[in-house]
Amino acid sequence: MKTATKIAIGLGAAAGAAALGYLGVKCLVDLTARREVPFGNERFTEKVAQAEERSPYADTLKASRAWLEAQSPEIVQVESFDALHLVGHLLTVPDAVRTIVYLHGWRERWNSNLGLVAKFLTEHHTNVLLPEQRAQGESEGAYMGLGVLERRDLQAWADYAAMRFPELPLYLGGVSMGATSCLMASELPLPASVRGIIADSGFTSPKAILSHVITSRTVLPDRPLVPLANQVSRLCAGYAFDDCTTIDALRNNLRIPVLFVHGDADQLVPLAMTLENYLACSAPKELLIVEGAGHGMSYLVDQSACEDALLRFFAAHDRA
């Protein structure tokens, strides 16, 4: 075989391997952040529903979801910094003494699992705004930002809530990716009426949680997968997984108090991440660790402890 032919074959094989490698990493990025998952959203939704059915809290979740939907919340809208149409669902109470913007988590919706806490909040004189995060539910967008982009979306929601209820103290809260979005937003310019953040099961950065999930749930190495995924995300979604961290944001947050909540049985986002966040926070802070609670399940596992912590947090900061 002539040398030129061998070179051509070698280059072709290298190009093929590179193309397959790119497709593999692109699949990882799409599974992580794209609205349409590689194997289909219907299949993903079905798997989530099956997992919920096996949960000991399945009936509670269904009942709280039914209650939330039965409230016929007002549909409200804002425009994101990059001109996306974002949709929210607003519950108002006639005797409100505060407002909270509460963000759902990764590949969820406004009504996925926030009904129980929303009911408690409205019973305690709180307007509750439940946005649908970008690339999820009714909000526009092709890619989620894992907090990197949503932190700036939250600025828009906070501005809306502050203008809509100018006389009331405002809180920001979220679960998992929603909590991460709130923590990352803590260093950004926010309305003066923002009195606190409630962060349940937040992670330290998209890069860190992706690395953790790969190493804890697969036999694959996180290197070079995560650095490559970082580059592909920049190319396809317009941001990289290490563009922002909660650690850096919380170090810069000198004003807004934070209530950190996490279950000690969380197998998706390790408790250690919330402990890192807590230690990094420069503002006044509180920590509630719920024994036996899995990911985002603290409120279901120990409702009274979570409600007591929320009421103490509000009492401490409503009039700050």
Protein backbone atom coordinates (compact mmCIF):
# COMPACT_ATOMS: atom_id res chain seq x y z
CA MET A 1 0.00 0.00 0.00
CA LYS A 2 1.35 3.36 -0.96
CA THR A 3 2.31 5.80 1.76
CA ALA A 4 -0.19 8.38 0.59
CA THR A 5 -2.99 5.80 0.80
CA LYS A 6 -1.97 4.81 4.32
CA ILE A 7 -1.94 8.45 5.37
CA ALA A 8 -5.36 8.99 3.84
CA ILE A 9 -6.78 5.94 5.65
CA GLY A 10 -5.21 7.07 8.92
CA LEU A 11 -6.59 10.56 8.59
CA GLY A 12 -10.00 9.20 7.72
CA ALA A 13 -10.00 6.92 10.76
CA ALA A 14 -8.90 9.78 13.00
CA ALA A 15 -11.60 12.02 11.58
CA GLY A 16 -14.20 9.30 12.11
CA ALA A 17 -13.11 8.75 15.68
CA ALA A 18 -13.20 12.50 16.33
CA ALA A 19 -16.70 12.74 14.85
CA LEU A 20 -17.94 9.85 17.01
CA GLY A 21 -16.31 11.42 20.04
CA TYR A 22 -17.98 14.75 19.36
CA LEU A 23 -21.37 13.09 18.91
CA GLY A 24 -20.92 11.27 22.20
CA VAL A 25 -20.06 14.45 24.08
CA LYS A 26 -22.86 16.32 22.30
CA CYS A 27 -25.26 13.62 23.48
CA LEU A 28 -24.04 14.17 27.05
CA VAL A 29 -24.56 17.94 26.75
CA ASP A 30 -28.03 17.45 25.25
CA LEU A 31 -29.03 15.05 28.03
CA THR A 32 -27.75 17.55 30.59
CA ALA A 33 -29.12 20.81 29.22
CA ARG A 34 -31.13 20.58 25.97
CA ARG A 35 -34.91 20.83 26.12
CA GLU A 36 -35.25 17.78 23.89
CA VAL A 37 -33.37 14.85 25.40
CA PRO A 38 -31.59 12.45 22.98
CA PHE A 39 -33.93 9.51 23.67
CA GLY A 40 -37.14 11.58 23.67
CA ASN A 41 -38.92 13.70 26.26
CA GLU A 42 -41.93 11.38 26.45
CA ARG A 43 -39.71 8.48 27.46
CA PHE A 44 -37.95 10.65 30.03
CA THR A 45 -41.27 11.85 31.47
CA GLU A 46 -42.48 8.26 31.67
CA LYS A 47 -39.37 7.22 33.61
CA VAL A 48 -39.84 10.12 36.04
CA ALA A 49 -43.49 9.16 36.56
CA GLN A 50 -42.53 5.54 37.22
CA ALA A 51 -39.95 6.64 39.78
CA GLU A 52 -42.53 8.85 41.50
CA GLU A 53 -45.00 5.96 41.69
CA ARG A 54 -42.41 4.00 43.67
CA SER A 55 -41.93 6.87 46.11
CA PRO A 56 -43.52 6.56 49.56
CA TYR A 57 -44.65 10.17 49.03
CA ALA A 58 -46.42 9.53 45.71
CA ASP A 59 -49.91 10.20 47.10
CA THR A 60 -48.78 13.37 48.87
CA LEU A 61 -47.12 14.68 45.70
CA LYS A 62 -50.22 13.96 43.61
CA ALA A 63 -52.52 15.65 46.11
CA SER A 64 -50.29 18.74 46.43
CA ARG A 65 -50.04 18.99 42.65
CA ALA A 66 -53.82 18.77 42.33
CA TRP A 67 -54.24 21.48 44.97
CA LEU A 68 -51.79 23.77 43.19
CA GLU A 69 -53.47 23.39 39.82
CA ALA A 70 -56.91 23.90 41.38
CA GLN A 71 -55.89 27.37 42.54
CA SER A 72 -56.04 28.62 38.94
CA PRO A 73 -52.96 30.80 39.33
CA GLU A 74 -52.55 33.95 37.30
CA ILE A 75 -50.31 33.50 34.26
CA VAL A 76 -47.60 36.17 34.19
CA GLN A 77 -44.72 36.76 31.79
CA VAL A 78 -41.31 38.39 31.61
CA GLU A 79 -38.68 38.65 28.90
CA SER A 80 -35.24 37.25 29.58
CA PHE A 81 -31.97 39.12 29.04
CA ASP A 82 -31.60 37.21 25.74
CA ALA A 83 -35.17 37.90 24.57
CA LEU A 84 -36.82 34.62 25.59
CA HIS A 85 -40.48 34.58 26.60
CA LEU A 86 -40.64 33.24 30.19
CA VAL A 87 -43.88 32.16 31.85
CA GLY A 88 -44.78 32.14 35.53
CA HIS A 89 -47.75 31.11 37.68
CA LEU A 90 -48.72 33.52 40.45
CA LEU A 91 -50.72 32.73 43.60
CA THR A 92 -51.83 35.85 45.46
CA VAL A 93 -53.41 36.12 48.89
CA PRO A 94 -55.49 39.10 50.07
CA ASP A 95 -53.59 39.51 53.36
CA ALA A 96 -50.06 39.08 51.99
CA VAL A 97 -47.16 40.24 54.14
CA ARG A 98 -44.41 39.01 51.78
CA THR A 99 -43.79 37.58 48.31
CA ILE A 100 -41.56 34.71 47.25
CA VAL A 101 -40.29 33.69 43.81
CA TYR A 102 -39.80 29.91 43.99
CA LEU A 103 -37.90 28.01 41.28
CA HIS A 104 -38.35 24.34 40.40
CA GLY A 105 -35.49 22.02 39.54
CA TRP A 106 -33.90 20.28 36.55
CA ARG A 107 -36.37 18.93 33.98
CA GLU A 108 -39.36 19.78 36.13
CA ARG A 109 -42.25 22.23 35.94
CA TRP A 110 -43.91 24.83 38.13
CA ASN A 111 -46.35 22.20 39.42
CA SER A 112 -43.97 19.24 39.71
CA ASN A 113 -43.28 19.15 43.45
CA LEU A 114 -43.82 22.62 44.92
CA GLY A 115 -47.51 22.31 45.74
CA LEU A 116 -47.04 21.37 49.40
CA VAL A 117 -44.70 24.23 50.23
CA ALA A 118 -46.77 26.66 48.12
CA LYS A 119 -49.88 25.75 50.13
CA PHE A 120 -48.05 26.33 53.40
CA LEU A 121 -46.70 29.67 52.18
CA THR A 122 -50.09 30.97 51.03
CA GLU A 123 -51.58 29.90 54.38
CA HIS A 124 -48.91 32.07 56.00
CA HIS A 125 -49.73 35.25 54.10
CA THR A 126 -47.25 34.86 51.26
CA ASN A 127 -47.74 35.55 47.56
CA VAL A 128 -46.05 32.74 45.62
CA LEU A 129 -44.66 33.19 42.11
CA LEU A 130 -43.68 29.92 40.42
CA PRO A 131 -41.77 30.57 37.19
CA GLU A 132 -41.14 27.92 34.57
CA GLN A 133 -37.40 28.00 34.02
CA ARG A 134 -36.01 28.48 30.51
CA ALA A 135 -36.24 25.51 28.14
CA GLN A 136 -38.75 23.89 30.48
CA GLY A 137 -42.52 23.86 30.47
CA GLU A 138 -44.11 26.85 28.76
CA SER A 139 -41.00 29.04 28.83
CA GLU A 140 -38.97 29.44 25.67
CA GLY A 141 -35.42 28.29 25.12
CA ALA A 142 -33.59 25.39 23.55
CA TYR A 143 -31.08 24.87 26.39
CA MET A 144 -31.24 25.09 30.15
CA GLY A 145 -28.42 27.02 31.78
CA LEU A 146 -28.08 24.93 34.97
CA GLY A 147 -28.16 28.18 36.92
CA VAL A 148 -25.62 30.06 34.79
CA LEU A 149 -28.34 31.59 32.61
CA GLU A 150 -31.28 31.22 35.01
CA ARG A 151 -29.61 33.49 37.58
CA ARG A 152 -30.14 36.35 35.16
CA ASP A 153 -33.69 35.20 34.40
CA LEU A 154 -34.30 35.37 38.15
CA GLN A 155 -33.27 39.03 38.08
CA ALA A 156 -36.17 39.66 35.70
CA TRP A 157 -38.60 37.75 37.91
CA ALA A 158 -37.37 39.59 41.02
CA ASP A 159 -37.80 42.93 39.27
CA TYR A 160 -41.33 41.93 38.22
CA ALA A 161 -42.29 40.82 41.74
CA ALA A 162 -40.80 43.96 43.30
CA MET A 163 -42.76 46.20 40.93
CA ARG A 164 -45.96 44.15 41.31
CA PHE A 165 -45.79 44.14 45.13
CA PRO A 166 -43.67 47.19 45.99
CA GLU A 167 -44.68 47.38 49.65
CA LEU A 168 -43.80 43.77 50.49
CA PRO A 169 -40.51 42.10 51.37
CA LEU A 170 -39.37 39.69 48.67
CA TYR A 171 -37.70 36.30 48.97
CA LEU A 172 -36.11 34.04 46.39
CA GLY A 173 -36.22 30.26 46.76
CA GLY A 174 -35.64 27.10 44.86
CA VAL A 175 -34.96 23.37 44.86
CA SER A 176 -31.87 21.75 43.30
CA MET A 177 -31.12 23.64 40.07
CA GLY A 178 -33.63 26.25 41.22
CA ALA A 179 -31.69 26.70 44.46
CA THR A 180 -28.46 26.96 42.49
CA SER A 181 -29.99 29.68 40.30
CA CYS A 182 -30.93 31.67 43.42
CA LEU A 183 -27.49 31.29 44.98
CA MET A 184 -25.75 32.32 41.76
CA ALA A 185 -28.04 35.35 41.53
CA SER A 186 -27.12 36.46 45.06
CA GLU A 187 -24.14 38.49 43.77
CA LEU A 188 -26.14 40.23 41.03
CA PRO A 189 -27.99 43.56 41.33
CA LEU A 190 -31.36 42.65 42.85
CA PRO A 191 -34.23 44.80 44.14
CA ALA A 192 -33.69 46.31 47.58
CA SER A 193 -36.83 44.51 48.75
CA VAL A 194 -35.11 41.10 48.46
CA ARG A 195 -34.73 40.03 52.09
CA GLY A 196 -33.53 36.45 51.80
CA ILE A 197 -32.87 33.29 49.80
CA ILE A 198 -34.09 29.76 50.60
CA ALA A 199 -31.83 27.20 48.90
CA ASP A 200 -32.85 23.54 49.08
CA SER A 201 -30.29 21.03 47.73
CA GLY A 202 -28.29 23.44 45.59
CA PHE A 203 -25.06 22.37 43.91
CA THR A 204 -21.76 24.24 43.71
CA SER A 205 -21.50 24.56 39.91
CA PRO A 206 -22.77 22.85 36.76
CA LYS A 207 -19.27 21.50 36.13
CA ALA A 208 -19.02 20.05 39.63
CA ILE A 209 -22.42 18.34 39.57
CA LEU A 210 -21.83 16.92 36.08
CA SER A 211 -18.51 15.51 37.24
CA HIS A 212 -20.13 14.05 40.36
CA VAL A 213 -22.97 12.40 38.45
CA ILE A 214 -20.61 10.86 35.88
CA THR A 215 -18.23 9.42 38.46
CA SER A 216 -20.93 8.27 40.90
CA ARG A 217 -23.45 6.81 38.46
CA THR A 218 -21.42 5.51 35.53
CA VAL A 219 -18.14 3.71 34.92
CA LEU A 220 -16.93 6.58 32.73
CA PRO A 221 -14.19 8.98 33.79
CA ASP A 222 -15.10 12.63 34.26
CA ARG A 223 -11.93 13.57 32.39
CA PRO A 224 -11.79 14.28 29.54
CA LEU A 225 -15.61 14.12 29.30
CA VAL A 226 -16.41 17.16 31.44
CA PRO A 227 -13.81 19.51 29.88
CA LEU A 228 -14.98 18.43 26.42
CA ALA A 229 -18.65 18.87 27.40
CA ASN A 230 -17.73 22.32 28.67
CA GLN A 231 -16.46 23.29 25.23
CA VAL A 232 -19.42 21.73 23.40
CA SER A 233 -21.86 23.54 25.70
CA ARG A 234 -20.15 26.82 24.90
CA LEU A 235 -20.54 26.08 21.20
CA CYS A 236 -24.13 24.80 21.26
CA ALA A 237 -25.78 26.46 24.25
CA GLY A 238 -23.79 29.69 24.46
CA TYR A 239 -22.33 29.14 27.92
CA ALA A 240 -19.83 26.84 29.63
CA PHE A 241 -20.46 24.75 32.72
CA ASP A 242 -17.75 26.62 34.61
CA ASP A 243 -18.89 30.15 33.73
CA CYS A 244 -20.30 30.62 37.22
CA THR A 245 -20.15 28.90 40.61
CA THR A 246 -22.28 29.31 43.70
CA ILE A 247 -19.08 29.46 45.76
CA ASP A 248 -17.86 32.61 44.02
CA ALA A 249 -21.32 34.19 44.03
CA LEU A 250 -21.84 33.57 47.74
CA ARG A 251 -18.44 35.01 48.61
CA ASN A 252 -19.57 38.18 46.86
CA ASN A 253 -22.99 38.18 48.52
CA LEU A 254 -22.63 40.57 51.44
CA ARG A 255 -26.29 41.58 51.84
CA ILE A 256 -28.85 38.83 51.30
CA PRO A 257 -29.32 36.26 54.09
CA VAL A 258 -29.52 32.61 53.04
CA LEU A 259 -31.32 29.62 54.55
CA PHE A 260 -29.60 26.47 53.32
CA VAL A 261 -31.57 23.20 53.43
CA HIS A 262 -30.30 19.74 52.46
CA GLY A 263 -31.08 16.10 53.18
CA ASP A 264 -28.28 13.92 54.50
CA ALA A 265 -29.41 11.01 52.30
CA ASP A 266 -29.19 12.95 49.02
CA GLN A 267 -27.58 10.67 46.43
CA LEU A 268 -27.77 13.13 43.54
CA VAL A 269 -26.41 16.38 44.95
CA PRO A 270 -24.17 15.51 47.90
CA LEU A 271 -24.70 17.27 51.20
CA ALA A 272 -21.06 18.33 50.98
CA MET A 273 -21.99 20.81 48.24
CA THR A 274 -24.41 22.68 50.50
CA LEU A 275 -21.80 22.66 53.26
CA GLU A 276 -19.34 24.24 50.80
CA ASN A 277 -21.95 26.82 49.85
CA TYR A 278 -22.72 27.56 53.49
CA LEU A 279 -19.07 28.11 54.38
CA ALA A 280 -18.54 30.36 51.35
CA CYS A 281 -21.52 32.61 52.09
CA SER A 282 -20.47 36.06 53.33
CA ALA A 283 -24.01 37.15 54.26
CA PRO A 284 -25.97 36.05 57.35
CA LYS A 285 -26.79 32.36 56.97
CA GLU A 286 -28.62 29.42 58.51
CA LEU A 287 -28.34 25.69 57.84
CA LEU A 288 -30.96 22.96 58.18
CA ILE A 289 -29.86 19.36 57.55
CA VAL A 290 -32.80 16.94 57.35
CA GLU A 291 -31.97 13.42 58.48
CA GLY A 292 -32.96 10.68 56.03
CA ALA A 293 -34.05 13.03 53.25
CA GLY A 294 -33.09 12.28 49.67
CA HIS A 295 -32.66 14.82 46.89
CA GLY A 296 -35.15 17.66 47.19
CA MET A 297 -37.18 15.65 49.70
CA SER A 298 -36.47 17.55 52.90
CA TYR A 299 -39.90 19.19 53.07
CA LEU A 300 -41.63 15.83 52.60
CA VAL A 301 -39.46 13.99 55.12
CA ASP A 302 -39.61 16.57 57.93
CA GLN A 303 -42.31 19.08 57.12
CA SER A 304 -42.46 20.58 60.60
CA ALA A 305 -38.69 21.25 60.77
CA CYS A 306 -38.73 22.92 57.36
CA GLU A 307 -41.79 25.01 58.17
CA ASP A 308 -40.36 26.11 61.51
CA ALA A 309 -37.11 27.11 59.78
CA LEU A 310 -39.01 29.08 57.13
CA LEU A 311 -41.13 30.95 59.68
CA ARG A 312 -38.07 31.82 61.79
CA PHE A 313 -36.26 33.02 58.68
CA PHE A 314 -39.19 35.21 57.65
CA ALA A 315 -39.60 36.60 61.16
CA ALA A 316 -35.91 37.51 61.27
CA HIS A 317 -35.79 39.28 57.93
CA ASP A 318 -39.27 40.56 56.96
CA ARG A 319 -38.61 43.90 58.63
CA ALA A 320 -34.87 44.10 57.97
